[in-house]
């Protein structure tokens, strides 16, 4: 799912119902004050957003991504490819360094 699709899914599934529940603050259904329920849900969503945002930020700052270990491994291999393409290193050095980088993961 793309980032845009996730954003619209979040808006449709979470934010719109939360806003609609806030407008029903004076209605009572089956003895439950819907305004209090909306306030609780909104507060829970805000805490989830804060914690989730902190985790997302920590993952981005440290460079750790799912499935790759540390994110700088791919950067190192792309730098190695550039050096080989520019003629800074020869074929044997390229394959030796590539093997070293891939064996670290």
N, C-alpha and C. Protein backbone atom coordinates (compact mmCIF):
# COMPACT_ATOMS: atom_id res chain seq x y z
N UNK A 1 0.86 -1.17 0.00
CA UNK A 1 0.00 0.00 0.00
C UNK A 1 0.90 1.23 0.00
N UNK A 2 0.61 2.18 -0.85
CA UNK A 2 1.43 3.37 -0.93
C UNK A 2 1.16 4.29 0.24
N UNK A 3 2.05 5.26 0.41
CA UNK A 3 1.91 6.20 1.51
C UNK A 3 0.61 7.00 1.38
N UNK A 4 0.27 7.41 0.17
CA UNK A 4 -0.97 8.17 -0.04
C UNK A 4 -2.19 7.33 0.29
N UNK A 5 -2.18 6.08 -0.12
CA UNK A 5 -3.31 5.20 0.19
C UNK A 5 -3.44 4.99 1.69
N UNK A 6 -2.31 4.82 2.38
CA UNK A 6 -2.36 4.65 3.83
C UNK A 6 -2.91 5.90 4.50
N UNK A 7 -2.51 7.08 4.00
CA UNK A 7 -2.99 8.32 4.59
C UNK A 7 -4.49 8.45 4.44
N UNK A 8 -5.01 8.19 3.25
CA UNK A 8 -6.45 8.30 3.03
C UNK A 8 -7.21 7.22 3.80
N UNK A 9 -6.63 6.05 3.93
CA UNK A 9 -7.27 5.00 4.72
C UNK A 9 -7.36 5.42 6.18
N UNK A 10 -6.29 6.01 6.70
CA UNK A 10 -6.29 6.50 8.09
C UNK A 10 -7.34 7.58 8.27
N UNK A 11 -7.41 8.52 7.33
CA UNK A 11 -8.39 9.60 7.45
C UNK A 11 -9.80 9.04 7.42
N UNK A 12 -10.06 8.12 6.51
CA UNK A 12 -11.41 7.57 6.38
C UNK A 12 -11.79 6.69 7.56
N UNK A 13 -10.83 5.90 8.06
CA UNK A 13 -11.16 4.91 9.09
C UNK A 13 -11.10 5.47 10.50
N UNK A 14 -10.30 6.50 10.73
CA UNK A 14 -10.07 6.96 12.10
C UNK A 14 -10.54 8.39 12.32
N UNK A 15 -10.06 9.31 11.52
CA UNK A 15 -10.33 10.71 11.80
C UNK A 15 -11.79 11.11 11.57
N UNK A 16 -12.37 10.67 10.47
CA UNK A 16 -13.75 11.06 10.18
C UNK A 16 -14.71 10.54 11.25
N UNK A 17 -14.65 9.25 11.64
CA UNK A 17 -15.55 8.80 12.72
C UNK A 17 -15.30 9.52 14.05
N UNK A 18 -14.03 9.84 14.35
CA UNK A 18 -13.74 10.55 15.61
C UNK A 18 -14.36 11.94 15.60
N UNK A 19 -14.25 12.64 14.48
CA UNK A 19 -14.85 13.98 14.39
C UNK A 19 -16.37 13.88 14.47
N UNK A 20 -16.95 12.91 13.80
CA UNK A 20 -18.40 12.74 13.86
C UNK A 20 -18.88 12.42 15.27
N UNK A 21 -18.11 11.63 15.99
CA UNK A 21 -18.49 11.32 17.37
C UNK A 21 -18.41 12.55 18.27
N UNK A 22 -17.48 13.45 17.98
CA UNK A 22 -17.36 14.66 18.80
C UNK A 22 -18.57 15.56 18.65
N UNK A 23 -19.20 15.55 17.48
CA UNK A 23 -20.38 16.38 17.27
C UNK A 23 -21.62 15.82 17.96
N UNK A 24 -21.56 14.62 18.44
CA UNK A 24 -22.70 14.01 19.12
C UNK A 24 -22.53 14.06 20.64
N UNK A 25 -21.85 15.10 21.13
CA UNK A 25 -21.49 15.14 22.54
C UNK A 25 -22.69 15.25 23.48
N UNK A 26 -23.83 15.75 23.02
CA UNK A 26 -24.97 15.91 23.91
C UNK A 26 -25.97 14.78 23.78
N UNK A 27 -25.72 13.84 22.92
CA UNK A 27 -26.66 12.74 22.75
C UNK A 27 -26.29 11.60 23.68
N UNK A 28 -27.29 10.94 24.17
CA UNK A 28 -27.08 9.79 25.03
C UNK A 28 -27.81 8.60 24.40
N UNK A 29 -27.09 7.52 24.20
CA UNK A 29 -27.70 6.33 23.62
C UNK A 29 -27.42 5.15 24.54
N UNK A 30 -28.46 4.50 24.99
CA UNK A 30 -28.35 3.34 25.87
C UNK A 30 -27.57 3.67 27.15
N UNK A 31 -27.71 4.90 27.63
CA UNK A 31 -27.06 5.30 28.88
C UNK A 31 -25.59 5.65 28.73
N UNK A 32 -25.09 5.74 27.52
CA UNK A 32 -23.68 6.07 27.29
C UNK A 32 -23.60 7.47 26.71
N UNK A 33 -22.84 8.34 27.34
CA UNK A 33 -22.62 9.69 26.83
C UNK A 33 -21.63 9.58 25.67
N UNK A 34 -22.10 9.80 24.46
CA UNK A 34 -21.26 9.63 23.28
C UNK A 34 -20.13 10.65 23.22
N UNK A 35 -20.34 11.80 23.83
CA UNK A 35 -19.28 12.81 23.87
C UNK A 35 -18.10 12.34 24.70
N UNK A 36 -18.38 11.71 25.83
CA UNK A 36 -17.30 11.17 26.67
C UNK A 36 -16.59 10.04 25.95
N UNK A 37 -17.36 9.20 25.26
CA UNK A 37 -16.76 8.12 24.48
C UNK A 37 -15.86 8.68 23.38
N UNK A 38 -16.35 9.73 22.70
CA UNK A 38 -15.56 10.35 21.64
C UNK A 38 -14.27 10.95 22.21
N UNK A 39 -14.38 11.58 23.37
CA UNK A 39 -13.19 12.16 24.00
C UNK A 39 -12.17 11.09 24.36
N UNK A 40 -12.64 9.98 24.89
CA UNK A 40 -11.75 8.88 25.23
C UNK A 40 -11.07 8.32 23.98
N UNK A 41 -11.86 8.09 22.92
CA UNK A 41 -11.29 7.55 21.68
C UNK A 41 -10.29 8.52 21.07
N UNK A 42 -10.62 9.80 21.09
CA UNK A 42 -9.70 10.80 20.53
C UNK A 42 -8.39 10.83 21.33
N UNK A 43 -8.49 10.76 22.65
CA UNK A 43 -7.29 10.77 23.48
C UNK A 43 -6.45 9.51 23.23
N UNK A 44 -7.11 8.36 23.10
CA UNK A 44 -6.38 7.12 22.80
C UNK A 44 -5.71 7.21 21.44
N UNK A 45 -6.38 7.77 20.45
CA UNK A 45 -5.77 7.94 19.13
C UNK A 45 -4.59 8.89 19.17
N UNK A 46 -4.70 9.94 19.94
CA UNK A 46 -3.58 10.89 20.03
C UNK A 46 -2.36 10.23 20.67
N UNK A 47 -2.57 9.44 21.74
CA UNK A 47 -1.45 8.74 22.36
C UNK A 47 -0.84 7.72 21.40
N UNK A 48 -1.70 7.03 20.65
CA UNK A 48 -1.19 6.08 19.66
C UNK A 48 -0.38 6.80 18.59
N UNK A 49 -0.82 7.97 18.18
CA UNK A 49 -0.09 8.74 17.18
C UNK A 49 1.25 9.22 17.73
N UNK A 50 1.27 9.63 18.99
CA UNK A 50 2.53 10.10 19.59
C UNK A 50 3.52 8.95 19.73
N UNK A 51 3.06 7.82 20.26
CA UNK A 51 3.95 6.66 20.43
C UNK A 51 4.39 6.12 19.06
N UNK A 52 3.44 5.97 18.14
CA UNK A 52 3.78 5.49 16.80
C UNK A 52 4.72 6.42 16.08
N UNK A 53 4.50 7.72 16.21
CA UNK A 53 5.39 8.70 15.60
C UNK A 53 6.79 8.64 16.19
N UNK A 54 6.87 8.43 17.49
CA UNK A 54 8.19 8.29 18.13
C UNK A 54 8.93 7.06 17.64
N UNK A 55 8.21 5.95 17.51
CA UNK A 55 8.84 4.73 17.01
C UNK A 55 9.28 4.92 15.56
N UNK A 56 8.41 5.51 14.74
CA UNK A 56 8.75 5.75 13.33
C UNK A 56 9.98 6.64 13.23
N UNK A 57 10.02 7.70 14.04
CA UNK A 57 11.16 8.62 14.01
C UNK A 57 12.44 7.92 14.44
N UNK A 58 12.36 7.09 15.49
CA UNK A 58 13.54 6.37 15.95
C UNK A 58 14.06 5.42 14.89
N UNK A 59 13.17 4.74 14.18
CA UNK A 59 13.59 3.82 13.12
C UNK A 59 14.24 4.60 11.99
N UNK A 60 13.67 5.73 11.61
CA UNK A 60 14.24 6.53 10.53
C UNK A 60 15.59 7.13 10.90
N UNK A 61 15.72 7.61 12.13
CA UNK A 61 16.97 8.25 12.55
C UNK A 61 18.09 7.23 12.67
N UNK A 62 17.80 6.04 13.21
CA UNK A 62 18.84 5.04 13.38
C UNK A 62 19.17 4.32 12.09
N UNK A 63 18.30 4.42 11.08
CA UNK A 63 18.57 3.79 9.79
C UNK A 63 18.22 2.32 9.74
N UNK A 64 17.50 1.81 10.73
CA UNK A 64 17.12 0.40 10.71
C UNK A 64 15.81 0.26 9.95
N UNK A 65 15.79 -0.67 8.99
CA UNK A 65 14.60 -0.91 8.19
C UNK A 65 14.30 -2.40 8.20
N UNK A 66 13.07 -2.76 7.99
CA UNK A 66 12.66 -4.16 8.03
C UNK A 66 13.38 -4.97 6.95
N UNK A 67 13.97 -6.07 7.36
CA UNK A 67 14.57 -7.00 6.41
C UNK A 67 15.99 -6.71 6.00
N UNK A 68 16.52 -5.54 6.33
CA UNK A 68 17.86 -5.22 5.87
C UNK A 68 18.86 -5.04 7.00
N UNK A 69 18.44 -5.19 8.24
CA UNK A 69 19.36 -4.92 9.33
C UNK A 69 19.59 -3.43 9.40
N UNK A 70 20.81 -3.01 9.27
CA UNK A 70 21.10 -1.58 9.23
C UNK A 70 20.97 -1.09 7.80
N UNK A 71 20.33 0.06 7.64
CA UNK A 71 20.04 0.60 6.33
C UNK A 71 21.26 1.06 5.56
N UNK A 72 22.39 1.26 6.24
CA UNK A 72 23.57 1.77 5.54
C UNK A 72 24.27 0.69 4.71
N UNK A 73 23.88 -0.57 4.82
CA UNK A 73 24.48 -1.63 4.01
C UNK A 73 24.18 -1.39 2.54
N UNK A 74 22.94 -1.06 2.21
CA UNK A 74 22.57 -0.79 0.83
C UNK A 74 23.30 0.45 0.31
N UNK A 75 23.48 1.43 1.16
CA UNK A 75 24.21 2.63 0.77
C UNK A 75 25.67 2.28 0.47
N UNK A 76 26.25 1.41 1.27
CA UNK A 76 27.64 1.02 1.06
C UNK A 76 27.81 0.27 -0.26
N UNK A 77 26.86 -0.60 -0.57
CA UNK A 77 26.95 -1.35 -1.83
C UNK A 77 26.76 -0.41 -3.02
N UNK A 78 25.86 0.55 -2.91
CA UNK A 78 25.68 1.48 -4.02
C UNK A 78 26.91 2.36 -4.20
N UNK A 79 27.56 2.74 -3.11
CA UNK A 79 28.81 3.50 -3.20
C UNK A 79 29.89 2.65 -3.85
N UNK A 80 29.95 1.39 -3.48
CA UNK A 80 30.92 0.47 -4.07
C UNK A 80 30.69 0.34 -5.58
N UNK A 81 29.42 0.23 -5.97
CA UNK A 81 29.11 0.15 -7.41
C UNK A 81 29.55 1.41 -8.15
N UNK A 82 29.34 2.55 -7.53
CA UNK A 82 29.77 3.81 -8.15
C UNK A 82 31.28 3.85 -8.33
N UNK A 83 32.00 3.45 -7.30
CA UNK A 83 33.47 3.45 -7.38
C UNK A 83 33.96 2.52 -8.48
N UNK A 84 33.31 1.36 -8.62
CA UNK A 84 33.69 0.41 -9.67
C UNK A 84 33.36 0.98 -11.05
N UNK A 85 32.20 1.61 -11.17
CA UNK A 85 31.80 2.18 -12.46
C UNK A 85 32.72 3.33 -12.87
N UNK A 86 33.23 4.08 -11.91
CA UNK A 86 34.11 5.21 -12.22
C UNK A 86 35.56 4.78 -12.41
N UNK A 87 35.85 3.50 -12.18
CA UNK A 87 37.19 3.00 -12.39
C UNK A 87 38.14 3.21 -11.22
N UNK A 88 37.63 3.57 -10.07
CA UNK A 88 38.47 3.78 -8.90
C UNK A 88 39.01 2.47 -8.34
N UNK A 89 38.24 1.39 -8.51
CA UNK A 89 38.68 0.07 -8.05
C UNK A 89 38.55 -0.91 -9.21
N UNK A 90 39.34 -1.97 -9.17
CA UNK A 90 39.26 -2.96 -10.25
C UNK A 90 38.23 -4.04 -9.91
N UNK A 91 38.04 -4.99 -10.82
CA UNK A 91 37.02 -6.02 -10.68
C UNK A 91 37.25 -6.90 -9.45
N UNK A 92 38.48 -7.30 -9.22
CA UNK A 92 38.78 -8.16 -8.07
C UNK A 92 38.49 -7.45 -6.76
N UNK A 93 38.88 -6.18 -6.68
CA UNK A 93 38.61 -5.41 -5.46
C UNK A 93 37.10 -5.25 -5.25
N UNK A 94 36.39 -4.99 -6.35
CA UNK A 94 34.93 -4.82 -6.27
C UNK A 94 34.26 -6.07 -5.68
N UNK A 95 34.58 -7.24 -6.25
CA UNK A 95 33.93 -8.46 -5.78
C UNK A 95 34.36 -8.82 -4.36
N UNK A 96 35.60 -8.54 -4.00
CA UNK A 96 36.04 -8.83 -2.63
C UNK A 96 35.30 -7.93 -1.63
N UNK A 97 35.22 -6.63 -1.96
CA UNK A 97 34.53 -5.71 -1.05
C UNK A 97 33.03 -6.01 -0.98
N UNK A 98 32.44 -6.38 -2.11
CA UNK A 98 31.02 -6.73 -2.12
C UNK A 98 30.76 -7.95 -1.27
N UNK A 99 31.63 -8.94 -1.38
CA UNK A 99 31.50 -10.16 -0.57
C UNK A 99 31.63 -9.83 0.93
N UNK A 100 32.57 -8.95 1.26
CA UNK A 100 32.75 -8.54 2.66
C UNK A 100 31.49 -7.85 3.20
N UNK A 101 30.91 -6.97 2.39
CA UNK A 101 29.71 -6.26 2.82
C UNK A 101 28.52 -7.19 2.98
N UNK A 102 28.36 -8.12 2.07
CA UNK A 102 27.22 -9.02 2.13
C UNK A 102 27.37 -10.06 3.24
N UNK A 103 28.59 -10.37 3.63
CA UNK A 103 28.78 -11.35 4.70
C UNK A 103 28.56 -10.75 6.07
N UNK A 104 28.53 -9.42 6.18
CA UNK A 104 28.29 -8.77 7.47
C UNK A 104 26.84 -8.85 7.90
N UNK A 105 25.92 -9.11 6.99
CA UNK A 105 24.49 -9.11 7.34
C UNK A 105 24.03 -10.44 7.81
